[in-house]
Protein backbone atom coordinates (compact mmCIF):
# COMPACT_ATOMS: atom_id res chain seq x y z
CA UNK A 1 52.14 141.35 55.06
CA UNK A 2 55.15 142.51 53.09
CA UNK A 3 57.82 144.94 54.16
CA UNK A 4 56.85 148.60 54.34
CA UNK A 5 58.93 150.44 51.70
CA UNK A 6 59.28 154.20 52.12
CA UNK A 7 60.47 156.03 49.01
CA UNK A 8 61.95 159.50 49.53
CA UNK A 9 62.46 161.93 46.67
CA UNK A 10 65.81 163.18 47.98
CA UNK A 11 68.18 162.33 50.79
CA UNK A 12 67.01 163.79 54.10
CA UNK A 13 69.14 166.13 56.20
CA UNK A 14 71.10 163.75 58.46
CA UNK A 15 72.01 166.56 60.86
CA UNK A 16 68.37 167.46 61.53
CA UNK A 17 67.43 163.80 61.87
CA UNK A 18 70.23 163.28 64.38
CA UNK A 19 69.06 166.24 66.48
CA UNK A 20 65.50 164.89 66.38
CA UNK A 21 66.77 161.44 67.40
CA UNK A 22 68.52 162.83 70.46
CA UNK A 23 65.43 164.82 71.46
CA UNK A 24 63.18 161.76 71.31
CA UNK A 25 65.58 159.46 73.19
CA UNK A 26 63.09 158.74 75.99
CA UNK A 27 60.11 157.89 73.75
CA UNK A 28 61.18 154.56 72.28
CA UNK A 29 59.22 151.27 72.28
CA UNK A 30 60.68 148.23 73.97
CA UNK A 31 63.10 146.19 71.88
CA UNK A 32 61.16 143.02 72.67
CA UNK A 33 58.69 144.06 69.94
CA UNK A 34 61.48 143.75 67.38
CA UNK A 35 62.48 146.08 64.57
CA UNK A 36 59.92 147.65 62.24
CA UNK A 37 59.78 145.67 58.97
CA UNK A 38 60.64 148.69 56.87
CA UNK A 39 63.12 149.86 54.27
CA UNK A 40 63.79 153.37 53.00
CA UNK A 41 65.11 154.29 49.59
CA UNK A 42 65.95 157.11 47.20
CA UNK A 43 65.44 156.06 43.60
CA UNK A 44 67.57 158.56 41.69
CA UNK A 45 70.33 160.21 43.70
CA UNK A 46 72.75 162.62 42.05
CA UNK A 47 76.10 162.68 43.85
CA UNK A 48 77.58 166.03 44.87
CA UNK A 49 80.87 166.26 42.92
CA UNK A 50 82.37 169.03 45.07
CA UNK A 51 81.50 167.32 48.34
CA UNK A 52 82.84 163.99 47.08
CA UNK A 53 86.16 165.69 46.29
CA UNK A 54 86.23 167.35 49.73
CA UNK A 55 85.47 163.99 51.32
CA UNK A 56 88.35 162.35 49.43
CA UNK A 57 90.79 165.02 50.58
CA UNK A 58 89.57 164.89 54.22
CA UNK A 59 90.14 161.12 54.31
CA UNK A 60 93.46 160.98 52.46
CA UNK A 61 92.23 159.69 49.10
CA UNK A 62 93.41 160.98 45.74
CA UNK A 63 90.58 162.84 44.01
CA UNK A 64 89.53 160.71 41.03
CA UNK A 65 86.54 160.05 38.78
CA UNK A 66 85.83 156.88 40.81
CA UNK A 67 84.58 157.47 44.34
CA UNK A 68 85.88 155.62 47.44
CA UNK A 69 83.79 152.73 48.70
CA UNK A 70 83.38 154.52 52.02
CA UNK A 71 81.86 157.52 50.18
CA UNK A 72 79.02 155.21 49.14
CA UNK A 73 78.46 154.44 52.82
CA UNK A 74 78.20 158.21 53.36
CA UNK A 75 75.49 158.33 50.69
CA UNK A 76 73.40 155.79 52.60
CA UNK A 77 74.03 157.38 56.01
CA UNK A 78 71.07 159.82 55.91
CA UNK A 79 68.78 156.85 55.26
CA UNK A 80 70.23 155.14 58.33
CA UNK A 81 69.35 158.27 60.32
CA UNK A 82 65.84 158.32 58.84
CA UNK A 83 65.16 154.72 59.87
CA UNK A 84 66.51 155.22 63.38
CA UNK A 85 64.57 158.46 63.75
CA UNK A 86 61.15 156.86 63.27
CA UNK A 87 59.03 156.81 66.43
CA UNK A 88 58.60 153.02 66.35
CA UNK A 89 62.35 152.33 66.13
CA UNK A 90 63.34 150.82 69.49
CA UNK A 91 66.87 152.21 69.87
CA UNK A 92 67.81 155.75 70.79
CA UNK A 93 70.64 157.42 68.91
CA UNK A 94 72.09 158.57 72.21
CA UNK A 95 74.62 156.02 73.38
CA UNK A 96 74.73 153.88 70.24
CA UNK A 97 78.16 152.37 69.53
CA UNK A 98 79.27 151.58 65.96
CA UNK A 99 80.85 148.16 66.47
CA UNK A 100 81.83 147.08 62.96
CA UNK A 101 81.41 147.72 59.26
CA UNK A 102 81.48 145.30 56.36
CA UNK A 103 81.25 146.58 52.78
CA UNK A 104 81.73 145.18 49.30
CA UNK A 105 82.50 147.26 46.23
CA UNK A 106 81.36 145.19 43.25
CA UNK A 107 82.80 147.55 40.67
CA UNK A 108 84.23 151.07 40.49
CA UNK A 109 81.54 153.75 40.76
CA UNK A 110 82.00 157.12 39.10
CA UNK A 111 81.03 160.38 40.73
CA UNK A 112 78.72 161.20 37.81
CA UNK A 113 76.65 158.01 38.10
CA UNK A 114 73.11 158.26 39.44
CA UNK A 115 72.41 155.95 42.35
CA UNK A 116 69.50 154.05 43.85
CA UNK A 117 70.06 153.89 47.61
CA UNK A 118 68.30 151.53 50.03
CA UNK A 119 68.71 150.87 53.78
CA UNK A 120 66.97 148.34 56.02
CA UNK A 121 67.40 147.47 59.73
CA UNK A 122 67.72 143.77 60.58
CA UNK A 123 69.35 141.12 62.78
CA UNK A 124 68.60 142.15 66.36
CA UNK A 125 70.65 140.02 68.77
CA UNK A 126 71.53 139.96 72.46
CA UNK A 127 75.04 141.09 73.35
CA UNK A 128 77.01 140.87 76.58
CA UNK A 129 76.83 144.67 76.84
CA UNK A 130 73.29 145.16 75.50
CA UNK A 131 71.69 144.54 72.11
CA UNK A 132 73.14 144.74 68.59
CA UNK A 133 71.46 145.30 65.24
CA UNK A 134 72.49 145.81 61.62
CA UNK A 135 71.75 148.61 59.20
CA UNK A 136 72.20 147.14 55.73
CA UNK A 137 72.62 149.41 52.74
CA UNK A 138 72.73 148.78 49.00
CA UNK A 139 73.65 151.00 46.08
CA UNK A 140 72.45 150.26 42.55
CA UNK A 141 73.21 151.95 39.26
CA UNK A 142 70.15 151.13 37.21
CA UNK A 143 69.47 147.49 38.07
CA UNK A 144 73.13 146.70 38.80
CA UNK A 145 74.21 146.18 42.42
CA UNK A 146 77.49 148.10 42.72
CA UNK A 147 77.97 148.36 46.50
CA UNK A 148 76.57 146.84 49.68
CA UNK A 149 77.43 147.43 53.29
CA UNK A 150 76.43 146.48 56.82
CA UNK A 151 76.94 148.66 59.88
CA UNK A 152 76.60 146.81 63.18
CA UNK A 153 75.51 148.95 66.13
CA UNK A 154 75.38 148.26 69.86
CA UNK A 155 72.80 149.74 72.19
CA UNK A 156 74.00 149.53 75.79
CA UNK A 157 70.63 150.76 77.07
CA UNK A 158 68.61 147.75 75.89
CA UNK A 159 68.48 144.09 76.89
CA UNK A 160 67.20 140.91 75.26
CA UNK A 161 66.95 137.41 76.75
CA UNK A 162 69.08 134.63 75.36
CA UNK A 163 72.71 133.79 74.78
CA UNK A 164 74.79 136.34 72.92
CA UNK A 165 76.27 134.77 69.76
CA UNK A 166 80.05 134.60 69.58
CA UNK A 167 81.27 137.32 67.25
CA UNK A 168 84.11 136.82 64.79
CA UNK A 169 87.23 138.70 65.81
CA UNK A 170 89.47 139.97 63.04
CA UNK A 171 93.16 139.15 63.45
CA UNK A 172 95.77 141.77 64.16
CA UNK A 173 98.47 142.15 61.51
CA UNK A 174 102.08 141.55 62.42
CA UNK A 175 104.87 143.92 61.57
CA UNK A 176 105.84 147.51 62.24
CA UNK A 177 103.90 150.71 61.68
CA UNK A 178 104.29 151.88 58.10
CA UNK A 179 102.55 155.25 58.55
CA UNK A 180 101.99 157.80 61.32
CA UNK A 181 98.91 160.02 61.19
CA UNK A 182 98.57 163.27 63.14
CA UNK A 183 94.94 164.04 63.84
CA UNK A 184 94.13 167.71 64.57
CA UNK A 185 91.66 168.82 67.21
CA UNK A 186 89.09 169.95 64.63
CA UNK A 187 89.22 166.77 62.52
CA UNK A 188 85.79 165.68 63.77
CA UNK A 189 84.25 168.93 62.52
CA UNK A 190 86.10 168.61 59.22
CA UNK A 191 84.73 165.11 58.69
CA UNK A 192 81.22 166.09 59.82
CA UNK A 193 81.08 168.71 57.06
CA UNK A 194 81.79 166.17 54.33
CA UNK A 195 79.99 163.14 55.81
CA UNK A 196 76.88 164.65 57.39
CA UNK A 197 77.59 162.86 60.69
CA UNK A 198 77.28 165.63 63.29
CA UNK A 199 77.19 163.40 66.37
CA UNK A 200 78.25 165.76 69.23
CA UNK A 201 80.85 163.30 70.57
CA UNK A 202 83.00 164.22 67.56
CA UNK A 203 82.68 168.00 67.53
CA UNK A 204 83.80 169.82 70.68
CA UNK A 205 85.22 169.04 74.15
CA UNK A 206 82.07 170.33 75.86
CA UNK A 207 79.68 168.18 73.84
CA UNK A 208 81.98 165.17 74.07
CA UNK A 209 82.06 165.40 77.87
CA UNK A 210 78.26 165.19 78.02
CA UNK A 211 78.63 161.65 76.68
CA UNK A 212 81.55 160.67 78.91
CA UNK A 213 84.57 161.46 76.70
CA UNK A 214 87.32 163.79 77.98
CA UNK A 215 87.88 165.13 74.46
CA UNK A 216 86.17 164.70 71.08
CA UNK A 217 86.71 161.38 69.34
CA UNK A 218 87.14 160.96 65.61
CA UNK A 219 84.40 159.17 63.67
CA UNK A 220 85.01 155.47 63.21
CA UNK A 221 84.13 155.82 59.54
CA UNK A 222 86.84 158.46 59.08
CA UNK A 223 89.35 155.98 60.50
CA UNK A 224 87.93 153.29 58.20
CA UNK A 225 88.23 155.56 55.17
CA UNK A 226 91.74 156.74 56.12
CA UNK A 227 92.86 153.13 56.43
CA UNK A 228 91.56 152.35 52.93
CA UNK A 229 93.26 155.46 51.58
CA UNK A 230 96.54 154.22 53.07
CA UNK A 231 96.53 151.37 50.53
CA UNK A 232 96.86 153.94 47.76
CA UNK A 233 97.22 152.49 44.30
CA UNK A 234 97.25 148.91 45.58
CA UNK A 235 93.50 148.92 46.25
CA UNK A 236 91.82 146.49 43.82
CA UNK A 237 88.92 147.63 41.65
CA UNK A 238 86.59 145.21 43.44
CA UNK A 239 86.97 144.23 47.06
CA UNK A 240 85.38 143.42 50.38
CA UNK A 241 86.62 145.26 53.45
CA UNK A 242 85.69 144.43 57.04
CA UNK A 243 86.60 146.55 60.05
CA UNK A 244 85.99 146.35 63.78
CA UNK A 245 86.16 149.50 65.89
CA UNK A 246 87.92 148.50 69.10
CA UNK A 247 88.69 151.74 70.97
CA UNK A 248 87.87 155.42 70.40
CA UNK A 249 90.59 157.80 69.15
CA UNK A 250 90.75 161.06 71.09
CA UNK A 251 91.41 164.37 69.32
CA UNK A 252 93.98 165.74 68.90
CA UNK A 253 96.08 162.61 68.67
CA UNK A 254 98.52 160.40 66.79
CA UNK A 255 97.92 156.89 65.49
CA UNK A 256 99.88 154.46 63.36
CA UNK A 257 98.92 152.23 60.45
CA UNK A 258 100.04 148.60 60.25
CA UNK A 259 99.42 146.30 57.28
CA UNK A 260 100.32 142.67 56.66
CA UNK A 261 98.83 141.20 53.49
CA UNK A 262 95.04 141.43 53.75
CA UNK A 263 95.16 142.32 57.46
CA UNK A 264 95.54 145.91 58.69
CA UNK A 265 95.09 147.94 61.86
CA UNK A 266 95.15 151.48 63.23
CA UNK A 267 97.07 151.51 66.52
CA UNK A 268 98.07 153.87 69.32
CA UNK A 269 101.65 154.62 70.38
CA UNK A 270 101.74 151.41 72.46
CA UNK A 271 100.65 149.39 69.45
CA UNK A 272 97.17 148.69 70.85
CA UNK A 273 94.47 148.55 68.17
CA UNK A 274 91.87 151.22 67.64
CA UNK A 275 90.60 149.57 64.46
CA UNK A 276 91.30 146.11 63.01
CA UNK A 277 90.49 145.29 59.41
CA UNK A 278 90.70 142.80 56.57
CA UNK A 279 90.75 143.58 52.85
CA UNK A 280 90.05 140.90 50.27
CA UNK A 281 90.11 141.47 46.50
């Protein structure tokens, strides 16, 4: 049998899907059955110009006709939520950790281009802290692949037998901080409005404490986007960018940006990494 392909007419509401996912946390099948062989897609997506501009400003990008690569991740995010919200998906949204992100921009994409968006879940593997899996997204304009990305997630509430594969660790850059970013207490809510990611750990001290954080933490994908924006005009038109999220960033807070060639990092005041990345043109 071939893969089940679900075609949606429009992007679903990620916020509602997230709330549903938290409500159904206790009704998940065992991971030993594997992931459903399913993809979800939207064939003809019109980007929201105003929201794309707000996203650029929230993440430190200059507003341009071409959209940031991380904005294309945001376009696929509701499809990630749809897949994970299905009753036969084995992992609960509650407690998932976004471990890493790997995306390739094959060419500049304009805000007025219509997109075909697809997401599939694959690559379940044991991990020393639980089980990891990938959500792989693609963006096409017509028949042309213009962007692809993989988000790797960790579920600490699941277990699989077998040896955990050794993960690649990105290297820290050398050198001094070139930028200092001050992150306000409401930054998580600001980013949620433009990204659609309303995970409660990012929104308010009370909701963050429910999940074990003393204060809200900023979204890893905001940090990823802000790091790309820090390259400014030196970003190539086509590139691959890989990031690993190492430690959460509490709000409010201050972090620094360090870059050395293709290597970069977001660090705390002691120089310890919160995000480590690599950019290759």
